[in-house]
N, C-alpha and C. Protein backbone atom coordinates (compact mmCIF):
# COMPACT_ATOMS: atom_id res chain seq x y z
N UNK A 1 -104.44 86.59 15.91
CA UNK A 1 -105.14 85.41 16.40
C UNK A 1 -106.65 85.61 16.25
N UNK A 2 -107.31 84.55 15.79
CA UNK A 2 -108.77 84.58 15.63
C UNK A 2 -109.23 85.73 14.74
N UNK A 3 -108.48 85.98 13.67
CA UNK A 3 -108.86 87.06 12.76
C UNK A 3 -109.22 86.55 11.37
N UNK A 4 -109.36 85.21 11.26
CA UNK A 4 -109.72 84.64 9.97
C UNK A 4 -108.54 84.33 9.08
N UNK A 5 -107.33 84.66 9.54
CA UNK A 5 -106.12 84.40 8.77
C UNK A 5 -105.20 83.50 9.58
N UNK A 6 -104.73 82.44 8.98
CA UNK A 6 -103.85 81.50 9.68
C UNK A 6 -102.44 82.06 9.70
N UNK A 7 -101.95 82.41 10.91
CA UNK A 7 -100.60 82.92 11.07
C UNK A 7 -99.63 81.86 11.56
N UNK A 8 -100.10 80.94 12.40
CA UNK A 8 -99.26 79.85 12.88
C UNK A 8 -99.23 78.73 11.83
N UNK A 9 -98.08 78.09 11.61
CA UNK A 9 -98.02 77.00 10.62
C UNK A 9 -99.00 75.87 10.91
N UNK A 10 -99.26 75.63 12.21
CA UNK A 10 -100.18 74.54 12.55
C UNK A 10 -101.64 74.97 12.63
N UNK A 11 -101.90 76.27 12.36
CA UNK A 11 -103.27 76.77 12.38
C UNK A 11 -103.87 76.96 13.75
N UNK A 12 -103.04 76.85 14.81
CA UNK A 12 -103.58 76.93 16.18
C UNK A 12 -104.14 78.30 16.52
N UNK A 13 -103.67 79.34 15.81
CA UNK A 13 -104.19 80.69 16.09
C UNK A 13 -105.63 80.85 15.63
N UNK A 14 -106.13 79.91 14.82
CA UNK A 14 -107.51 79.96 14.35
C UNK A 14 -108.31 78.73 14.78
N UNK A 15 -107.78 77.97 15.75
CA UNK A 15 -108.46 76.76 16.21
C UNK A 15 -109.78 77.11 16.89
N UNK A 16 -110.81 76.30 16.66
CA UNK A 16 -112.15 76.58 17.21
C UNK A 16 -112.16 76.70 18.72
N UNK A 17 -111.36 75.87 19.41
CA UNK A 17 -111.37 75.93 20.87
C UNK A 17 -110.80 77.24 21.40
N UNK A 18 -109.99 77.92 20.58
CA UNK A 18 -109.45 79.22 20.99
C UNK A 18 -110.33 80.38 20.54
N UNK A 19 -111.09 80.18 19.49
CA UNK A 19 -111.85 81.27 18.88
C UNK A 19 -113.34 81.12 19.16
N UNK A 20 -113.70 81.28 20.41
CA UNK A 20 -115.11 81.21 20.81
C UNK A 20 -115.53 82.56 21.35
N UNK A 21 -116.83 82.80 21.39
CA UNK A 21 -117.33 84.11 21.80
C UNK A 21 -117.10 84.40 23.28
N UNK A 22 -116.83 83.37 24.09
CA UNK A 22 -116.56 83.60 25.51
C UNK A 22 -115.06 83.69 25.79
N UNK A 23 -114.29 83.83 24.73
CA UNK A 23 -112.83 83.93 24.87
C UNK A 23 -112.45 85.19 25.64
N UNK A 24 -111.46 85.08 26.54
CA UNK A 24 -110.97 86.22 27.30
C UNK A 24 -109.70 86.75 26.64
N UNK A 25 -109.62 88.06 26.51
CA UNK A 25 -108.41 88.67 25.95
C UNK A 25 -107.37 88.84 27.05
N UNK A 26 -106.12 88.69 26.70
CA UNK A 26 -105.04 88.89 27.65
C UNK A 26 -104.94 90.37 28.01
N UNK A 27 -104.23 90.65 29.10
CA UNK A 27 -104.01 92.03 29.54
C UNK A 27 -103.33 92.82 28.42
N UNK A 28 -103.80 94.03 28.18
CA UNK A 28 -103.26 94.87 27.12
C UNK A 28 -103.94 94.69 25.79
N UNK A 29 -104.90 93.75 25.74
CA UNK A 29 -105.65 93.52 24.50
C UNK A 29 -107.10 93.92 24.68
N UNK A 30 -107.76 94.22 23.59
CA UNK A 30 -109.15 94.68 23.58
C UNK A 30 -109.98 93.72 22.74
N UNK A 31 -111.14 93.33 23.23
CA UNK A 31 -111.98 92.37 22.51
C UNK A 31 -112.87 93.10 21.51
N UNK A 32 -112.82 92.65 20.27
CA UNK A 32 -113.68 93.20 19.23
C UNK A 32 -115.13 92.80 19.50
N UNK A 33 -116.06 93.47 18.83
CA UNK A 33 -117.48 93.25 19.09
C UNK A 33 -117.92 91.83 18.75
N UNK A 34 -117.19 91.15 17.87
CA UNK A 34 -117.57 89.77 17.54
C UNK A 34 -117.34 88.81 18.70
N UNK A 35 -116.65 89.30 19.75
CA UNK A 35 -116.42 88.48 20.93
C UNK A 35 -115.33 87.45 20.76
N UNK A 36 -114.69 87.43 19.63
CA UNK A 36 -113.68 86.41 19.34
C UNK A 36 -112.29 87.03 19.19
N UNK A 37 -112.22 88.04 18.36
CA UNK A 37 -110.92 88.62 18.01
C UNK A 37 -110.44 89.59 19.08
N UNK A 38 -109.14 89.57 19.39
CA UNK A 38 -108.51 90.51 20.32
C UNK A 38 -107.45 91.31 19.59
N UNK A 39 -107.41 92.61 19.85
CA UNK A 39 -106.39 93.47 19.25
C UNK A 39 -105.69 94.25 20.35
N UNK A 40 -104.55 94.80 20.04
CA UNK A 40 -103.82 95.65 20.98
C UNK A 40 -104.70 96.85 21.34
N UNK A 41 -104.85 97.13 22.64
CA UNK A 41 -105.75 98.20 23.06
C UNK A 41 -105.29 99.57 22.58
N UNK A 42 -104.02 99.70 22.19
CA UNK A 42 -103.54 100.98 21.66
C UNK A 42 -104.16 101.31 20.31
N UNK A 43 -104.68 100.28 19.62
CA UNK A 43 -105.20 100.48 18.28
C UNK A 43 -106.68 100.84 18.25
N UNK A 44 -107.30 100.95 19.40
CA UNK A 44 -108.72 101.29 19.46
C UNK A 44 -108.87 102.80 19.23
N UNK A 45 -109.76 103.17 18.33
CA UNK A 45 -110.06 104.59 18.04
C UNK A 45 -108.83 105.36 17.57
N UNK A 46 -108.01 104.72 16.75
CA UNK A 46 -106.84 105.41 16.20
C UNK A 46 -106.99 105.71 14.71
N UNK A 47 -108.24 105.59 14.21
CA UNK A 47 -108.59 105.86 12.81
C UNK A 47 -108.20 104.74 11.85
N UNK A 48 -107.63 103.66 12.38
CA UNK A 48 -107.28 102.50 11.55
C UNK A 48 -108.07 101.30 12.06
N UNK A 49 -108.65 100.54 11.14
CA UNK A 49 -109.48 99.40 11.53
C UNK A 49 -108.62 98.15 11.67
N UNK A 50 -108.58 97.61 12.89
CA UNK A 50 -107.84 96.39 13.15
C UNK A 50 -108.76 95.20 13.39
N UNK A 51 -109.95 95.45 13.92
CA UNK A 51 -110.93 94.37 14.08
C UNK A 51 -111.52 94.04 12.71
N UNK A 52 -111.72 92.76 12.45
CA UNK A 52 -112.34 92.36 11.18
C UNK A 52 -113.73 92.95 11.03
N UNK A 53 -114.44 93.13 12.17
CA UNK A 53 -115.79 93.69 12.13
C UNK A 53 -115.79 95.22 12.25
N UNK A 54 -114.60 95.83 12.28
CA UNK A 54 -114.42 97.29 12.33
C UNK A 54 -114.92 97.93 13.63
N UNK A 55 -115.17 97.11 14.65
CA UNK A 55 -115.75 97.65 15.89
C UNK A 55 -114.78 98.52 16.67
N UNK A 56 -113.48 98.41 16.41
CA UNK A 56 -112.51 99.25 17.13
C UNK A 56 -112.58 100.71 16.70
N UNK A 57 -113.29 100.99 15.60
CA UNK A 57 -113.47 102.37 15.14
C UNK A 57 -114.95 102.75 15.09
N UNK A 58 -115.76 102.06 15.87
CA UNK A 58 -117.20 102.35 15.94
C UNK A 58 -117.41 103.77 16.47
N UNK A 59 -118.17 104.63 15.75
CA UNK A 59 -118.39 106.01 16.20
C UNK A 59 -119.03 106.10 17.59
N UNK A 60 -119.83 105.11 17.96
CA UNK A 60 -120.45 105.13 19.29
C UNK A 60 -119.41 104.88 20.38
N UNK A 61 -118.36 104.15 20.05
CA UNK A 61 -117.28 103.89 21.01
C UNK A 61 -116.30 105.05 21.06
N UNK A 62 -115.97 105.57 19.90
CA UNK A 62 -114.90 106.57 19.79
C UNK A 62 -115.45 107.97 20.01
N UNK A 63 -115.82 108.23 21.23
CA UNK A 63 -116.32 109.55 21.62
C UNK A 63 -115.39 110.13 22.67
N UNK A 64 -115.62 111.39 23.01
CA UNK A 64 -114.76 112.04 24.00
C UNK A 64 -115.02 111.54 25.41
N UNK A 65 -116.06 110.74 25.60
CA UNK A 65 -116.31 110.14 26.92
C UNK A 65 -115.46 108.90 27.15
N UNK A 66 -114.80 108.43 26.13
CA UNK A 66 -114.01 107.20 26.24
C UNK A 66 -112.85 107.38 27.22
N UNK A 67 -112.59 106.37 28.03
CA UNK A 67 -111.49 106.40 28.99
C UNK A 67 -110.27 105.67 28.41
N UNK A 68 -109.10 106.23 28.64
CA UNK A 68 -107.87 105.57 28.18
C UNK A 68 -107.47 104.49 29.19
N UNK A 69 -106.84 103.41 28.72
CA UNK A 69 -106.34 102.41 29.66
C UNK A 69 -105.21 102.97 30.51
N UNK A 70 -104.89 102.28 31.58
CA UNK A 70 -103.82 102.70 32.48
C UNK A 70 -102.50 102.81 31.71
N UNK A 71 -101.75 103.90 31.95
CA UNK A 71 -100.48 104.11 31.26
C UNK A 71 -100.62 104.79 29.92
N UNK A 72 -101.83 105.28 29.61
CA UNK A 72 -102.09 105.97 28.35
C UNK A 72 -102.74 107.32 28.63
N UNK A 73 -102.57 108.25 27.70
CA UNK A 73 -103.17 109.58 27.82
C UNK A 73 -103.88 109.93 26.52
N UNK A 74 -104.88 110.81 26.64
CA UNK A 74 -105.65 111.21 25.45
C UNK A 74 -104.92 112.26 24.63
N UNK A 75 -105.11 112.16 23.33
CA UNK A 75 -104.67 113.21 22.43
C UNK A 75 -105.65 114.38 22.56
N UNK A 76 -105.34 115.49 21.91
CA UNK A 76 -106.18 116.68 22.02
C UNK A 76 -107.59 116.45 21.49
N UNK A 77 -107.75 115.48 20.58
CA UNK A 77 -109.09 115.21 20.06
C UNK A 77 -110.01 114.59 21.11
N UNK A 78 -109.43 114.18 22.25
CA UNK A 78 -110.22 113.61 23.33
C UNK A 78 -110.65 112.19 23.09
N UNK A 79 -110.18 111.57 22.02
CA UNK A 79 -110.62 110.22 21.66
C UNK A 79 -109.44 109.25 21.63
N UNK A 80 -108.44 109.56 20.83
CA UNK A 80 -107.31 108.64 20.67
C UNK A 80 -106.44 108.64 21.92
N UNK A 81 -105.93 107.45 22.29
CA UNK A 81 -105.04 107.30 23.44
C UNK A 81 -103.66 106.87 22.96
N UNK A 82 -102.62 107.43 23.57
CA UNK A 82 -101.26 106.99 23.27
C UNK A 82 -100.55 106.68 24.57
N UNK A 83 -99.53 105.83 24.50
CA UNK A 83 -98.79 105.42 25.70
C UNK A 83 -98.05 106.60 26.30
N UNK A 84 -98.04 106.67 27.63
CA UNK A 84 -97.29 107.71 28.32
C UNK A 84 -95.82 107.62 27.93
N UNK A 85 -95.18 108.77 27.75
CA UNK A 85 -93.78 108.80 27.36
C UNK A 85 -93.56 108.82 25.87
N UNK A 86 -94.63 108.71 25.08
CA UNK A 86 -94.50 108.71 23.62
C UNK A 86 -94.66 110.10 23.03
N UNK A 87 -94.95 111.09 23.87
CA UNK A 87 -95.10 112.44 23.35
C UNK A 87 -93.73 113.10 23.21
N UNK A 88 -93.66 114.07 22.33
CA UNK A 88 -92.45 114.89 22.14
C UNK A 88 -91.25 114.05 21.71
N UNK A 89 -91.46 113.12 20.82
CA UNK A 89 -90.37 112.28 20.32
C UNK A 89 -89.89 112.72 18.95
N UNK A 90 -90.62 113.64 18.33
CA UNK A 90 -90.31 114.03 16.97
C UNK A 90 -91.11 113.25 15.94
N UNK A 91 -91.77 112.17 16.37
CA UNK A 91 -92.65 111.38 15.50
C UNK A 91 -94.02 111.32 16.15
N UNK A 92 -95.02 111.88 15.49
CA UNK A 92 -96.35 111.98 16.09
C UNK A 92 -97.04 110.63 16.19
N UNK A 93 -97.60 110.35 17.36
CA UNK A 93 -98.43 109.17 17.58
C UNK A 93 -99.91 109.55 17.41
N UNK A 94 -100.26 110.77 17.78
CA UNK A 94 -101.64 111.24 17.66
C UNK A 94 -101.94 111.61 16.21
N UNK A 95 -103.13 111.25 15.76
CA UNK A 95 -103.55 111.62 14.41
C UNK A 95 -103.59 113.14 14.25
N UNK A 96 -103.95 113.85 15.33
CA UNK A 96 -104.04 115.31 15.26
C UNK A 96 -102.70 116.00 15.57
N UNK A 97 -101.63 115.24 15.75
CA UNK A 97 -100.28 115.75 16.01
C UNK A 97 -100.15 116.50 17.34
N UNK A 98 -101.15 116.38 18.20
CA UNK A 98 -101.11 117.14 19.44
C UNK A 98 -100.01 116.69 20.39
N UNK A 99 -99.52 115.46 20.24
CA UNK A 99 -98.44 114.98 21.11
C UNK A 99 -97.10 115.60 20.77
N UNK A 100 -97.03 116.36 19.67
CA UNK A 100 -95.81 117.05 19.28
C UNK A 100 -95.99 118.57 19.28
N UNK A 101 -97.04 119.05 19.91
CA UNK A 101 -97.33 120.48 19.88
C UNK A 101 -96.34 121.26 20.76
N UNK A 102 -95.99 122.49 20.37
CA UNK A 102 -95.07 123.30 21.16
C UNK A 102 -95.56 123.54 22.59
N UNK A 103 -96.88 123.56 22.77
CA UNK A 103 -97.43 123.82 24.11
C UNK A 103 -97.00 122.77 25.12
N UNK A 104 -96.90 121.51 24.70
CA UNK A 104 -96.50 120.48 25.66
C UNK A 104 -95.04 120.07 25.52
N UNK A 105 -94.42 120.43 24.40
CA UNK A 105 -93.05 119.96 24.15
C UNK A 105 -91.98 121.03 24.34
N UNK A 106 -92.36 122.23 24.75
CA UNK A 106 -91.37 123.30 24.81
C UNK A 106 -90.24 123.01 25.79
N UNK A 107 -90.48 122.16 26.78
CA UNK A 107 -89.43 121.84 27.74
C UNK A 107 -89.14 120.35 27.80
N UNK A 108 -89.49 119.62 26.74
CA UNK A 108 -89.31 118.17 26.71
C UNK A 108 -88.04 117.81 25.96
N UNK A 109 -86.91 118.00 26.60
CA UNK A 109 -85.65 117.62 25.98
C UNK A 109 -85.46 116.11 26.12
N UNK A 110 -84.62 115.52 25.29
CA UNK A 110 -84.44 114.06 25.34
C UNK A 110 -83.75 113.62 26.62
N UNK A 111 -83.93 112.34 27.00
CA UNK A 111 -83.30 111.82 28.22
C UNK A 111 -81.80 111.64 28.05
N UNK A 112 -81.10 111.49 29.16
CA UNK A 112 -79.64 111.33 29.13
C UNK A 112 -79.27 109.88 28.85
N UNK A 113 -78.10 109.69 28.27
CA UNK A 113 -77.58 108.34 28.06
C UNK A 113 -77.20 107.74 29.40
N UNK A 114 -77.11 106.41 29.44
CA UNK A 114 -76.78 105.73 30.68
C UNK A 114 -75.46 104.97 30.55
N UNK A 115 -74.77 104.87 31.67
CA UNK A 115 -73.58 104.01 31.78
C UNK A 115 -72.52 104.34 30.73
N UNK A 116 -72.16 105.62 30.62
CA UNK A 116 -71.14 106.04 29.67
C UNK A 116 -69.76 105.55 30.12
N UNK A 117 -69.03 104.92 29.21
CA UNK A 117 -67.70 104.39 29.52
C UNK A 117 -66.75 104.69 28.37
N UNK A 118 -65.45 104.67 28.70
CA UNK A 118 -64.44 104.92 27.68
C UNK A 118 -63.24 104.01 27.91
N UNK A 119 -62.69 103.48 26.82
CA UNK A 119 -61.50 102.64 26.89
C UNK A 119 -60.41 103.32 26.05
N UNK A 120 -59.27 103.68 26.69
CA UNK A 120 -58.21 104.36 25.95
C UNK A 120 -57.33 103.36 25.19
N UNK A 121 -56.87 103.80 24.04
CA UNK A 121 -55.91 103.06 23.25
C UNK A 121 -54.82 104.04 22.83
N UNK A 122 -53.90 103.58 22.03
CA UNK A 122 -52.87 104.46 21.52
C UNK A 122 -53.46 105.38 20.46
N UNK A 123 -53.58 106.65 20.77
CA UNK A 123 -54.07 107.63 19.81
C UNK A 123 -55.56 107.60 19.53
N UNK A 124 -56.29 106.82 20.31
CA UNK A 124 -57.75 106.80 20.12
C UNK A 124 -58.44 106.35 21.40
N UNK A 125 -59.73 106.63 21.46
CA UNK A 125 -60.54 106.24 22.62
C UNK A 125 -61.85 105.65 22.11
N UNK A 126 -62.20 104.50 22.65
CA UNK A 126 -63.49 103.87 22.32
C UNK A 126 -64.49 104.28 23.40
N UNK A 127 -65.60 104.87 22.97
CA UNK A 127 -66.64 105.34 23.88
C UNK A 127 -67.90 104.52 23.63
N UNK A 128 -68.55 104.07 24.71
CA UNK A 128 -69.81 103.34 24.54
C UNK A 128 -70.74 103.63 25.69
N UNK A 129 -72.03 103.41 25.47
CA UNK A 129 -73.05 103.77 26.45
C UNK A 129 -74.28 102.90 26.22
N UNK A 130 -75.23 103.01 27.15
CA UNK A 130 -76.51 102.32 27.00
C UNK A 130 -77.56 103.32 26.55
N UNK A 131 -78.53 102.82 25.78
CA UNK A 131 -79.61 103.69 25.33
C UNK A 131 -80.34 104.30 26.53
N UNK A 132 -80.77 105.54 26.42
CA UNK A 132 -81.53 106.16 27.51
C UNK A 132 -82.93 105.59 27.60
N UNK A 133 -83.59 105.84 28.74
CA UNK A 133 -85.00 105.49 28.86
C UNK A 133 -85.76 106.27 27.79
N UNK A 134 -86.81 105.67 27.26
CA UNK A 134 -87.56 106.27 26.16
C UNK A 134 -86.61 106.67 25.03
N UNK A 135 -85.78 105.70 24.61
CA UNK A 135 -84.78 105.99 23.58
C UNK A 135 -85.41 106.51 22.30
N UNK A 136 -86.68 106.19 22.07
CA UNK A 136 -87.34 106.66 20.87
C UNK A 136 -87.45 108.17 20.79
N UNK A 137 -87.31 108.86 21.93
CA UNK A 137 -87.39 110.31 21.92
C UNK A 137 -86.08 110.95 21.49
N UNK A 138 -85.02 110.16 21.30
CA UNK A 138 -83.74 110.69 20.85
C UNK A 138 -83.65 110.58 19.33
N UNK A 139 -83.33 111.70 18.67
CA UNK A 139 -83.16 111.69 17.22
C UNK A 139 -81.72 111.36 16.83
N UNK A 140 -80.82 111.41 17.81
CA UNK A 140 -79.42 111.11 17.56
C UNK A 140 -78.58 111.50 18.76
N UNK A 141 -77.27 111.32 18.60
CA UNK A 141 -76.33 111.63 19.68
C UNK A 141 -75.26 112.58 19.18
N UNK A 142 -74.72 113.35 20.09
CA UNK A 142 -73.56 114.19 19.80
C UNK A 142 -72.43 113.76 20.73
N UNK A 143 -71.25 113.50 20.15
CA UNK A 143 -70.04 113.24 20.92
C UNK A 143 -69.27 114.55 20.96
N UNK A 144 -69.00 115.04 22.14
CA UNK A 144 -68.27 116.30 22.32
C UNK A 144 -67.00 115.99 23.10
N UNK A 145 -65.85 116.32 22.54
CA UNK A 145 -64.61 115.94 23.22
C UNK A 145 -63.52 116.98 23.01
N UNK A 146 -62.54 116.95 23.90
CA UNK A 146 -61.39 117.83 23.81
C UNK A 146 -60.43 117.52 24.94
N UNK A 147 -59.23 118.08 24.87
CA UNK A 147 -58.27 117.90 25.96
C UNK A 147 -58.87 118.47 27.24
N UNK A 148 -58.60 117.80 28.35
CA UNK A 148 -59.28 118.14 29.59
C UNK A 148 -59.09 119.59 30.01
N UNK A 149 -57.92 120.17 29.82
CA UNK A 149 -57.66 121.53 30.26
C UNK A 149 -57.75 122.54 29.12
N UNK A 150 -58.30 122.14 28.00
CA UNK A 150 -58.40 123.02 26.84
C UNK A 150 -59.85 123.47 26.64
N UNK A 151 -60.01 124.66 26.10
CA UNK A 151 -61.35 125.16 25.78
C UNK A 151 -61.80 124.72 24.39
N UNK A 152 -60.91 124.13 23.62
CA UNK A 152 -61.24 123.67 22.27
C UNK A 152 -61.96 122.32 22.36
N UNK A 153 -63.14 122.27 21.78
CA UNK A 153 -63.92 121.03 21.80
C UNK A 153 -64.38 120.70 20.38
N UNK A 154 -64.43 119.42 20.12
CA UNK A 154 -64.85 118.92 18.81
C UNK A 154 -66.18 118.18 18.97
N UNK A 155 -67.00 118.21 17.93
CA UNK A 155 -68.31 117.56 17.98
C UNK A 155 -68.49 116.64 16.78
N UNK A 156 -69.04 115.46 17.05
CA UNK A 156 -69.39 114.53 15.99
C UNK A 156 -70.83 114.08 16.21
N UNK A 157 -71.63 114.07 15.15
CA UNK A 157 -73.03 113.63 15.23
C UNK A 157 -73.15 112.16 14.85
N UNK A 158 -73.99 111.45 15.61
CA UNK A 158 -74.23 110.03 15.36
C UNK A 158 -75.73 109.78 15.26
N UNK A 159 -76.11 108.73 14.55
CA UNK A 159 -77.51 108.36 14.43
C UNK A 159 -78.06 107.75 15.71
N UNK A 160 -79.39 107.63 15.82
CA UNK A 160 -80.03 107.16 17.06
C UNK A 160 -79.79 105.70 17.39
N UNK A 161 -79.33 104.90 16.42
CA UNK A 161 -79.11 103.48 16.70
C UNK A 161 -77.71 103.20 17.24
N UNK A 162 -76.85 104.20 17.28
CA UNK A 162 -75.46 104.01 17.71
C UNK A 162 -75.36 104.01 19.22
N UNK A 163 -74.52 103.12 19.76
CA UNK A 163 -74.21 103.13 21.20
C UNK A 163 -72.71 102.96 21.42
N UNK A 164 -71.93 103.17 20.36
CA UNK A 164 -70.48 103.07 20.45
C UNK A 164 -69.85 103.95 19.37
N UNK A 165 -68.69 104.52 19.72
CA UNK A 165 -67.98 105.35 18.75
C UNK A 165 -66.50 105.35 19.11
N UNK A 166 -65.64 105.37 18.09
CA UNK A 166 -64.20 105.45 18.31
C UNK A 166 -63.72 106.82 17.85
N UNK A 167 -63.07 107.53 18.76
CA UNK A 167 -62.49 108.85 18.45
C UNK A 167 -61.03 108.62 18.09
N UNK A 168 -60.65 108.98 16.89
CA UNK A 168 -59.30 108.73 16.39
C UNK A 168 -58.45 110.00 16.40
N UNK A 169 -57.18 109.82 16.05
CA UNK A 169 -56.22 110.92 15.87
C UNK A 169 -56.03 111.75 17.14
N UNK A 170 -55.92 111.07 18.28
CA UNK A 170 -55.70 111.75 19.55
C UNK A 170 -54.23 111.65 19.94
N UNK A 171 -53.80 112.57 20.80
CA UNK A 171 -52.41 112.56 21.25
C UNK A 171 -52.22 111.51 22.34
N UNK A 172 -51.05 110.83 22.36
CA UNK A 172 -50.80 109.85 23.42
C UNK A 172 -50.54 110.52 24.77
N UNK A 173 -50.76 109.77 25.82
CA UNK A 173 -50.53 110.25 27.19
C UNK A 173 -51.24 111.58 27.47
N UNK A 174 -52.43 111.72 26.95
CA UNK A 174 -53.16 112.99 27.10
C UNK A 174 -54.54 112.71 27.68
N UNK A 175 -54.93 113.54 28.64
CA UNK A 175 -56.24 113.39 29.28
C UNK A 175 -57.30 114.13 28.47
N UNK A 176 -58.40 113.42 28.17
CA UNK A 176 -59.50 113.99 27.40
C UNK A 176 -60.79 113.93 28.20
N UNK A 177 -61.62 114.95 28.01
CA UNK A 177 -62.99 114.95 28.54
C UNK A 177 -63.92 114.66 27.37
N UNK A 178 -64.75 113.64 27.54
CA UNK A 178 -65.65 113.22 26.46
C UNK A 178 -67.08 113.22 26.97
N UNK A 179 -67.95 113.91 26.27
CA UNK A 179 -69.37 113.98 26.65
C UNK A 179 -70.23 113.39 25.54
N UNK A 180 -71.33 112.77 25.95
CA UNK A 180 -72.33 112.27 25.00
C UNK A 180 -73.67 112.88 25.39
N UNK A 181 -74.36 113.45 24.42
CA UNK A 181 -75.68 114.03 24.66
C UNK A 181 -76.65 113.49 23.61
N UNK A 182 -77.90 113.37 24.00
CA UNK A 182 -78.95 113.05 23.04
C UNK A 182 -79.57 114.35 22.54
N UNK A 183 -80.15 114.31 21.35
CA UNK A 183 -80.87 115.48 20.86
C UNK A 183 -82.12 115.03 20.13
N UNK A 184 -83.10 115.93 20.09
CA UNK A 184 -84.32 115.70 19.32
C UNK A 184 -84.76 117.02 18.72
N UNK A 185 -85.98 117.09 18.22
CA UNK A 185 -86.46 118.32 17.58
C UNK A 185 -86.58 119.48 18.56
N UNK A 186 -86.63 119.17 19.86
CA UNK A 186 -86.78 120.21 20.87
C UNK A 186 -85.45 120.79 21.33
N UNK A 187 -84.35 120.10 21.04
CA UNK A 187 -83.06 120.62 21.46
C UNK A 187 -82.12 119.51 21.90
N UNK A 188 -81.13 119.90 22.69
CA UNK A 188 -80.08 119.00 23.15
C UNK A 188 -80.27 118.71 24.63
N UNK A 189 -80.12 117.44 25.00
CA UNK A 189 -80.29 117.03 26.39
C UNK A 189 -79.07 117.33 27.24
N UNK A 190 -79.08 116.78 28.43
CA UNK A 190 -78.00 117.00 29.39
C UNK A 190 -76.77 116.17 29.03
N UNK A 191 -75.59 116.77 29.17
CA UNK A 191 -74.35 116.06 28.87
C UNK A 191 -74.03 115.04 29.96
N UNK A 192 -73.50 113.91 29.53
CA UNK A 192 -72.89 112.93 30.43
C UNK A 192 -71.42 112.86 30.04
N UNK A 193 -70.52 113.04 31.01
CA UNK A 193 -69.10 113.20 30.70
C UNK A 193 -68.25 112.14 31.39
N UNK A 194 -67.23 111.70 30.68
CA UNK A 194 -66.23 110.79 31.24
C UNK A 194 -64.85 111.35 30.89
N UNK A 195 -63.89 111.16 31.80
CA UNK A 195 -62.52 111.62 31.54
C UNK A 195 -61.60 110.40 31.45
N UNK A 196 -60.71 110.43 30.46
CA UNK A 196 -59.84 109.28 30.23
C UNK A 196 -58.54 109.76 29.59
N UNK A 197 -57.45 109.04 29.88
CA UNK A 197 -56.14 109.39 29.34
C UNK A 197 -55.70 108.35 28.32
N UNK A 198 -55.28 108.81 27.16
CA UNK A 198 -54.83 107.89 26.12
C UNK A 198 -53.52 107.22 26.53
N UNK A 199 -53.27 106.06 25.92
CA UNK A 199 -52.03 105.34 26.20
C UNK A 199 -50.93 105.81 25.26
N UNK A 200 -49.71 105.34 25.52
CA UNK A 200 -48.58 105.71 24.67
C UNK A 200 -48.35 104.68 23.59
N UNK A 201 -47.22 104.77 22.96
CA UNK A 201 -46.89 103.85 21.86
C UNK A 201 -46.50 102.48 22.41
C-alpha cells in the first residue's frame, strides 16, 4: 500500500486520501521516512530494502542502540530483530545465523504434537494429530509403533506438512501403542502416545 504500485484492482491502495504524509500505520507496521509508505516492522534493518526510499535500512537507524518491538529479540549483530519463537527452527531468520547457533539451540528440541488420536480398522490404524505450537520448528514427524506388550517397535518418517498417517499390515484384535514425535536439527522431541486395538474381520 502506498508504494507507487497499484495492487488493488480499483487502485484504492494508492488513492491520494490514503497516501498522505500524516497517514498512521497500523499496529505491527513501520512508517518509512517518506511518511506515506508502511512496511512490516520485521523488515526494518534486515539488510533488505522494503521502503521505496530505502529508509528501513538507513545506517543511522540500524545501529546497536535500536530497540526491537514487543515480541521480538535481537540477533547477535545487535541490530536485526526476529520474532520470539523463531529461533532454533533449522532455518535461520538472522542474517548472521545467530538464531541457529549451538550456544542457544543446544537444548531447543521441537514442541510436542497436540490432540493425538487413532481410529482402528481391520488390519490398520489411522493416526492423526494437530500441528504443535511453533510448527515451523519441526522438520518432520516420526511415527513409532508396536504391539503394546512387545519390545519390537517400528518407525516411519513423515514430512512436516503431514498431520495424518495410516499404519497398514497390522494384526486384528491386537492392542498397539503408537507414538508421534517431532524432530528438527537439534534432535527428537517428546513422544505423545495413544493405545488402540485393531478390529477383526
